[in-house]
């Protein structure tokens, strides 16, 4: 295995989880903070990105709505 491929395999570990080499890796942000990520694979790069973004957006909306509801109560 070439050294370059080995370096890419360890990119996520070396960056402490802040880097992914997958197109479907979409960070989830709430209140300006990254709280996690959605990882999607199996389709084309474009499909993975679109599905990942849709999933992240749905989760961000649900978490934000829950957070806003808790603030009011």
PDB file of N, CA and C in Angstrom:
ATOM      1  N   UNK A   1       0.852  -1.184   0.000  1.00  0.00           N
ATOM      2  CA  UNK A   1       0.000   0.000   0.000  1.00  0.00           C
ATOM      3  C   UNK A   1       0.890   1.238   0.000  1.00  0.00           C
ATOM      4  N   UNK A   2       0.664   2.158  -0.907  1.00  0.00           N
ATOM      5  CA  UNK A   2       1.472   3.377  -0.943  1.00  0.00           C
ATOM      6  C   UNK A   2       1.305   4.203   0.340  1.00  0.00           C
ATOM      7  N   UNK A   3       2.331   4.934   0.719  1.00  0.00           N
ATOM      8  CA  UNK A   3       2.299   5.748   1.937  1.00  0.00           C
ATOM      9  C   UNK A   3       1.196   6.793   1.899  1.00  0.00           C
ATOM     10  N   UNK A   4       0.909   7.340   0.717  1.00  0.00           N
ATOM     11  CA  UNK A   4      -0.135   8.360   0.616  1.00  0.00           C
ATOM     12  C   UNK A   4      -1.484   7.795   1.059  1.00  0.00           C
ATOM     13  N   UNK A   5      -1.832   6.593   0.586  1.00  0.00           N
ATOM     14  CA  UNK A   5      -3.098   5.978   0.977  1.00  0.00           C
ATOM     15  C   UNK A   5      -3.140   5.713   2.469  1.00  0.00           C
ATOM     16  N   UNK A   6      -2.047   5.283   3.031  1.00  0.00           N
ATOM     17  CA  UNK A   6      -1.975   5.041   4.466  1.00  0.00           C
ATOM     18  C   UNK A   6      -2.201   6.342   5.230  1.00  0.00           C
ATOM     19  N   UNK A   7      -1.629   7.437   4.736  1.00  0.00           N
ATOM     20  CA  UNK A   7      -1.815   8.735   5.395  1.00  0.00           C
ATOM     21  C   UNK A   7      -3.284   9.158   5.345  1.00  0.00           C
ATOM     22  N   UNK A   8      -3.939   8.941   4.232  1.00  0.00           N
ATOM     23  CA  UNK A   8      -5.351   9.308   4.104  1.00  0.00           C
ATOM     24  C   UNK A   8      -6.205   8.465   5.041  1.00  0.00           C
ATOM     25  N   UNK A   9      -5.892   7.185   5.167  1.00  0.00           N
ATOM     26  CA  UNK A   9      -6.645   6.320   6.058  1.00  0.00           C
ATOM     27  C   UNK A   9      -6.619   6.832   7.498  1.00  0.00           C
ATOM     28  N   UNK A  10      -5.530   7.457   7.879  1.00  0.00           N
ATOM     29  CA  UNK A  10      -5.379   7.916   9.262  1.00  0.00           C
ATOM     30  C   UNK A  10      -5.671   9.407   9.438  1.00  0.00           C
ATOM     31  N   UNK A  11      -6.221  10.039   8.412  1.00  0.00           N
ATOM     32  CA  UNK A  11      -6.484  11.478   8.473  1.00  0.00           C
ATOM     33  C   UNK A  11      -7.458  11.832   9.581  1.00  0.00           C
ATOM     34  N   UNK A  12      -8.517  11.049   9.742  1.00  0.00           N
ATOM     35  CA  UNK A  12      -9.507  11.344  10.787  1.00  0.00           C
ATOM     36  C   UNK A  12      -8.875  11.211  12.169  1.00  0.00           C
ATOM     37  N   UNK A  13      -8.093  10.176  12.383  1.00  0.00           N
ATOM     38  CA  UNK A  13      -7.451   9.987  13.682  1.00  0.00           C
ATOM     39  C   UNK A  13      -6.435  11.094  13.952  1.00  0.00           C
ATOM     40  N   UNK A  14      -5.673  11.452  12.955  1.00  0.00           N
ATOM     41  CA  UNK A  14      -4.656  12.487  13.137  1.00  0.00           C
ATOM     42  C   UNK A  14      -5.258  13.856  13.408  1.00  0.00           C
ATOM     43  N   UNK A  15      -6.466  14.089  12.894  1.00  0.00           N
ATOM     44  CA  UNK A  15      -7.115  15.389  13.090  1.00  0.00           C
ATOM     45  C   UNK A  15      -8.081  15.363  14.275  1.00  0.00           C
ATOM     46  N   UNK A  16      -8.024  14.288  15.052  1.00  0.00           N
ATOM     47  CA  UNK A  16      -8.911  14.108  16.209  1.00  0.00           C
ATOM     48  C   UNK A  16     -10.377  14.175  15.799  1.00  0.00           C
ATOM     49  N   UNK A  17     -10.694  13.559  14.678  1.00  0.00           N
ATOM     50  CA  UNK A  17     -12.069  13.466  14.215  1.00  0.00           C
ATOM     51  C   UNK A  17     -12.600  14.690  13.508  1.00  0.00           C
ATOM     52  N   UNK A  18     -11.757  15.669  13.235  1.00  0.00           N
ATOM     53  CA  UNK A  18     -12.220  16.902  12.594  1.00  0.00           C
ATOM     54  C   UNK A  18     -12.150  16.843  11.075  1.00  0.00           C
ATOM     55  N   UNK A  19     -11.644  15.747  10.533  1.00  0.00           N
ATOM     56  CA  UNK A  19     -11.457  15.636   9.094  1.00  0.00           C
ATOM     57  C   UNK A  19     -12.001  14.304   8.615  1.00  0.00           C
ATOM     58  N   UNK A  20     -12.710  14.348   7.537  1.00  0.00           N
ATOM     59  CA  UNK A  20     -13.139  13.126   6.882  1.00  0.00           C
ATOM     60  C   UNK A  20     -12.770  13.217   5.411  1.00  0.00           C
ATOM     61  N   UNK A  21     -12.473  12.084   4.815  1.00  0.00           N
ATOM     62  CA  UNK A  21     -12.150  12.077   3.395  1.00  0.00           C
ATOM     63  C   UNK A  21     -13.358  11.664   2.576  1.00  0.00           C
ATOM     64  N   UNK A  22     -14.504  11.481   3.230  1.00  0.00           N
ATOM     65  CA  UNK A  22     -15.720  11.073   2.549  1.00  0.00           C
ATOM     66  C   UNK A  22     -16.547  12.283   2.168  1.00  0.00           C
ATOM     67  N   UNK A  23     -17.145  12.248   0.973  1.00  0.00           N
ATOM     68  CA  UNK A  23     -17.986  13.351   0.546  1.00  0.00           C
ATOM     69  C   UNK A  23     -19.271  13.417   1.357  1.00  0.00           C
ATOM     70  N   UNK A  24     -19.736  12.291   1.884  1.00  0.00           N
ATOM     71  CA  UNK A  24     -20.980  12.264   2.639  1.00  0.00           C
ATOM     72  C   UNK A  24     -20.813  12.568   4.113  1.00  0.00           C
ATOM     73  N   UNK A  25     -19.662  13.054   4.523  1.00  0.00           N
ATOM     74  CA  UNK A  25     -19.428  13.415   5.922  1.00  0.00           C
ATOM     75  C   UNK A  25     -19.839  14.862   6.149  1.00  0.00           C
ATOM     76  N   UNK A  26     -20.961  15.067   6.843  1.00  0.00           N
ATOM     77  CA  UNK A  26     -21.522  16.402   7.024  1.00  0.00           C
ATOM     78  C   UNK A  26     -21.573  16.737   8.513  1.00  0.00           C
ATOM     79  N   UNK A  27     -20.935  17.828   8.947  1.00  0.00           N
ATOM     80  CA  UNK A  27     -20.986  18.195  10.363  1.00  0.00           C
ATOM     81  C   UNK A  27     -22.378  18.676  10.770  1.00  0.00           C
ATOM     82  N   UNK A  28     -22.729  18.452  12.034  1.00  0.00           N
ATOM     83  CA  UNK A  28     -24.002  18.911  12.590  1.00  0.00           C
ATOM     84  C   UNK A  28     -23.687  20.028  13.570  1.00  0.00           C
ATOM     85  N   UNK A  29     -24.286  21.193  13.318  1.00  0.00           N
ATOM     86  CA  UNK A  29     -24.062  22.349  14.187  1.00  0.00           C
ATOM     87  C   UNK A  29     -25.345  22.809  14.852  1.00  0.00           C
ATOM     88  N   UNK A  30     -25.243  23.163  16.120  1.00  0.00           N
ATOM     89  CA  UNK A  30     -26.367  23.723  16.871  1.00  0.00           C
ATOM     90  C   UNK A  30     -25.839  24.899  17.671  1.00  0.00           C
ATOM     91  N   UNK A  31     -26.505  26.022  17.550  1.00  0.00           N
ATOM     92  CA  UNK A  31     -26.099  27.235  18.265  1.00  0.00           C
ATOM     93  C   UNK A  31     -24.637  27.596  18.002  1.00  0.00           C
ATOM     94  N   UNK A  32     -24.206  27.414  16.758  1.00  0.00           N
ATOM     95  CA  UNK A  32     -22.857  27.781  16.369  1.00  0.00           C
ATOM     96  C   UNK A  32     -21.766  26.817  16.808  1.00  0.00           C
ATOM     97  N   UNK A  33     -22.145  25.654  17.352  1.00  0.00           N
ATOM     98  CA  UNK A  33     -21.164  24.666  17.802  1.00  0.00           C
ATOM     99  C   UNK A  33     -21.374  23.359  17.049  1.00  0.00           C
ATOM    100  N   UNK A  34     -20.282  22.714  16.682  1.00  0.00           N
ATOM    101  CA  UNK A  34     -20.359  21.411  16.033  1.00  0.00           C
ATOM    102  C   UNK A  34     -20.583  20.381  17.134  1.00  0.00           C
ATOM    103  N   UNK A  35     -21.691  19.629  17.028  1.00  0.00           N
ATOM    104  CA  UNK A  35     -22.015  18.649  18.067  1.00  0.00           C
ATOM    105  C   UNK A  35     -21.889  17.213  17.574  1.00  0.00           C
ATOM    106  N   UNK A  36     -21.638  17.033  16.302  1.00  0.00           N
ATOM    107  CA  UNK A  36     -21.516  15.701  15.749  1.00  0.00           C
ATOM    108  C   UNK A  36     -21.462  15.760  14.242  1.00  0.00           C
ATOM    109  N   UNK A  37     -21.789  14.643  13.614  1.00  0.00           N
ATOM    110  CA  UNK A  37     -21.752  14.589  12.155  1.00  0.00           C
ATOM    111  C   UNK A  37     -22.630  13.458  11.659  1.00  0.00           C
ATOM    112  N   UNK A  38     -22.992  13.559  10.394  1.00  0.00           N
ATOM    113  CA  UNK A  38     -23.707  12.501   9.693  1.00  0.00           C
ATOM    114  C   UNK A  38     -22.750  11.957   8.655  1.00  0.00           C
ATOM    115  N   UNK A  39     -22.654  10.656   8.559  1.00  0.00           N
ATOM    116  CA  UNK A  39     -21.818  10.025   7.551  1.00  0.00           C
ATOM    117  C   UNK A  39     -22.665   9.178   6.627  1.00  0.00           C
ATOM    118  N   UNK A  40     -22.599   9.429   5.338  1.00  0.00           N
ATOM    119  CA  UNK A  40     -23.395   8.702   4.353  1.00  0.00           C
ATOM    120  C   UNK A  40     -22.462   8.164   3.282  1.00  0.00           C
ATOM    121  N   UNK A  41     -22.673   6.932   2.888  1.00  0.00           N
ATOM    122  CA  UNK A  41     -21.871   6.349   1.828  1.00  0.00           C
ATOM    123  C   UNK A  41     -22.687   5.328   1.062  1.00  0.00           C
ATOM    124  N   UNK A  42     -22.215   4.989  -0.085  1.00  0.00           N
ATOM    125  CA  UNK A  42     -22.866   3.953  -0.874  1.00  0.00           C
ATOM    126  C   UNK A  42     -23.399   4.433  -2.208  1.00  0.00           C
ATOM    127  N   UNK A  43     -23.644   5.726  -2.309  1.00  0.00           N
ATOM    128  CA  UNK A  43     -24.108   6.284  -3.575  1.00  0.00           C
ATOM    129  C   UNK A  43     -22.965   6.980  -4.280  1.00  0.00           C
ATOM    130  N   UNK A  44     -23.328   7.807  -5.237  1.00  0.00           N
ATOM    131  CA  UNK A  44     -22.307   8.644  -5.877  1.00  0.00           C
ATOM    132  C   UNK A  44     -21.895   9.730  -4.882  1.00  0.00           C
ATOM    133  N   UNK A  45     -20.825  10.429  -5.180  1.00  0.00           N
ATOM    134  CA  UNK A  45     -20.393  11.516  -4.293  1.00  0.00           C
ATOM    135  C   UNK A  45     -21.520  12.529  -4.112  1.00  0.00           C
ATOM    136  N   UNK A  46     -22.167  12.900  -5.208  1.00  0.00           N
ATOM    137  CA  UNK A  46     -23.254  13.878  -5.151  1.00  0.00           C
ATOM    138  C   UNK A  46     -24.429  13.362  -4.322  1.00  0.00           C
ATOM    139  N   UNK A  47     -24.782  12.104  -4.492  1.00  0.00           N
ATOM    140  CA  UNK A  47     -25.882  11.524  -3.716  1.00  0.00           C
ATOM    141  C   UNK A  47     -25.538  11.496  -2.224  1.00  0.00           C
ATOM    142  N   UNK A  48     -24.337  11.076  -1.911  1.00  0.00           N
ATOM    143  CA  UNK A  48     -23.914  11.011  -0.509  1.00  0.00           C
ATOM    144  C   UNK A  48     -23.975  12.390   0.142  1.00  0.00           C
ATOM    145  N   UNK A  49     -23.512  13.411  -0.558  1.00  0.00           N
ATOM    146  CA  UNK A  49     -23.548  14.778  -0.030  1.00  0.00           C
ATOM    147  C   UNK A  49     -24.985  15.238   0.167  1.00  0.00           C
ATOM    148  N   UNK A  50     -25.832  15.023  -0.827  1.00  0.00           N
ATOM    149  CA  UNK A  50     -27.224  15.472  -0.733  1.00  0.00           C
ATOM    150  C   UNK A  50     -27.963  14.790   0.415  1.00  0.00           C
ATOM    151  N   UNK A  51     -27.794  13.482   0.561  1.00  0.00           N
ATOM    152  CA  UNK A  51     -28.463  12.755   1.631  1.00  0.00           C
ATOM    153  C   UNK A  51     -27.885  13.167   2.989  1.00  0.00           C
ATOM    154  N   UNK A  52     -26.577  13.319   3.068  1.00  0.00           N
ATOM    155  CA  UNK A  52     -25.952  13.753   4.320  1.00  0.00           C
ATOM    156  C   UNK A  52     -26.418  15.132   4.744  1.00  0.00           C
ATOM    157  N   UNK A  53     -26.476  16.061   3.791  1.00  0.00           N
ATOM    158  CA  UNK A  53     -26.943  17.420   4.108  1.00  0.00           C
ATOM    159  C   UNK A  53     -28.398  17.415   4.562  1.00  0.00           C
ATOM    160  N   UNK A  54     -29.228  16.624   3.904  1.00  0.00           N
ATOM    161  CA  UNK A  54     -30.646  16.548   4.282  1.00  0.00           C
ATOM    162  C   UNK A  54     -30.790  15.980   5.691  1.00  0.00           C
ATOM    163  N   UNK A  55     -30.044  14.946   5.995  1.00  0.00           N
ATOM    164  CA  UNK A  55     -30.093  14.353   7.328  1.00  0.00           C
ATOM    165  C   UNK A  55     -29.597  15.303   8.401  1.00  0.00           C
ATOM    166  N   UNK A  56     -28.498  15.969   8.128  1.00  0.00           N
ATOM    167  CA  UNK A  56     -27.940  16.929   9.095  1.00  0.00           C
ATOM    168  C   UNK A  56     -28.901  18.089   9.309  1.00  0.00           C
ATOM    169  N   UNK A  57     -29.505  18.592   8.244  1.00  0.00           N
ATOM    170  CA  UNK A  57     -30.445  19.707   8.361  1.00  0.00           C
ATOM    171  C   UNK A  57     -31.668  19.308   9.179  1.00  0.00           C
ATOM    172  N   UNK A  58     -32.189  18.113   8.951  1.00  0.00           N
ATOM    173  CA  UNK A  58     -33.357  17.639   9.702  1.00  0.00           C
ATOM    174  C   UNK A  58     -33.025  17.502  11.180  1.00  0.00           C
ATOM    175  N   UNK A  59     -31.863  16.964  11.481  1.00  0.00           N
ATOM    176  CA  UNK A  59     -31.471  16.808  12.880  1.00  0.00           C
ATOM    177  C   UNK A  59     -31.223  18.161  13.541  1.00  0.00           C
ATOM    178  N   UNK A  60     -30.549  19.074  12.825  1.00  0.00           N
ATOM    179  CA  UNK A  60     -30.309  20.420  13.366  1.00  0.00           C
ATOM    180  C   UNK A  60     -31.626  21.120  13.674  1.00  0.00           C
ATOM    181  N   UNK A  61     -32.602  20.992  12.791  1.00  0.00           N
ATOM    182  CA  UNK A  61     -33.913  21.607  13.004  1.00  0.00           C
ATOM    183  C   UNK A  61     -34.592  21.011  14.231  1.00  0.00           C
ATOM    184  N   UNK A  62     -34.593  19.699  14.331  1.00  0.00           N
ATOM    185  CA  UNK A  62     -35.239  19.036  15.467  1.00  0.00           C
ATOM    186  C   UNK A  62     -34.577  19.420  16.790  1.00  0.00           C
ATOM    187  N   UNK A  63     -33.261  19.450  16.818  1.00  0.00           N
ATOM    188  CA  UNK A  63     -32.552  19.806  18.049  1.00  0.00           C
ATOM    189  C   UNK A  63     -32.802  21.266  18.404  1.00  0.00           C
ATOM    190  N   UNK A  64     -32.760  22.150  17.426  1.00  0.00           N
ATOM    191  CA  UNK A  64     -33.002  23.571  17.675  1.00  0.00           C
ATOM    192  C   UNK A  64     -34.416  23.806  18.183  1.00  0.00           C
ATOM    193  N   UNK A  65     -35.415  23.134  17.578  1.00  0.00           N
ATOM    194  CA  UNK A  65     -36.796  23.283  18.024  1.00  0.00           C
ATOM    195  C   UNK A  65     -36.971  22.775  19.448  1.00  0.00           C
ATOM    196  N   UNK A  66     -36.333  21.661  19.773  1.00  0.00           N
ATOM    197  CA  UNK A  66     -36.403  21.127  21.130  1.00  0.00           C
ATOM    198  C   UNK A  66     -35.748  22.091  22.107  1.00  0.00           C
ATOM    199  N   UNK A  67     -34.606  22.632  21.714  1.00  0.00           N
ATOM    200  CA  UNK A  67     -33.880  23.577  22.567  1.00  0.00           C
ATOM    201  C   UNK A  67     -34.720  24.843  22.810  1.00  0.00           C
ATOM    202  N   UNK A  68     -35.346  25.353  21.776  1.00  0.00           N
ATOM    203  CA  UNK A  68     -36.197  26.542  21.900  1.00  0.00           C
ATOM    204  C   UNK A  68     -37.413  26.255  22.771  1.00  0.00           C
ATOM    205  N   UNK A  69     -37.987  25.069  22.609  1.00  0.00           N
ATOM    206  CA  UNK A  69     -39.146  24.685  23.418  1.00  0.00           C
ATOM    207  C   UNK A  69     -38.760  24.602  24.901  1.00  0.00           C
ATOM    208  N   UNK A  70     -37.581  24.049  25.192  1.00  0.00           N
ATOM    209  CA  UNK A  70     -37.117  23.933  26.575  1.00  0.00           C
ATOM    210  C   UNK A  70     -36.845  25.301  27.183  1.00  0.00           C
ATOM    211  N   UNK A  71     -36.370  26.262  26.371  1.00  0.00           N
ATOM    212  CA  UNK A  71     -36.121  27.617  26.871  1.00  0.00           C
ATOM    213  C   UNK A  71     -37.417  28.279  27.326  1.00  0.00           C
ATOM    214  N   UNK A  72     -38.523  27.996  26.586  1.00  0.00           N
ATOM    215  CA  UNK A  72     -39.807  28.627  26.908  1.00  0.00           C
ATOM    216  C   UNK A  72     -40.440  28.043  28.160  1.00  0.00           C
ATOM    217  N   UNK A  73     -40.171  26.770  28.438  1.00  0.00           N
ATOM    218  CA  UNK A  73     -40.809  26.102  29.582  1.00  0.00           C
ATOM    219  C   UNK A  73     -40.153  26.412  30.891  1.00  0.00           C
TER     220      UNK A  73
END
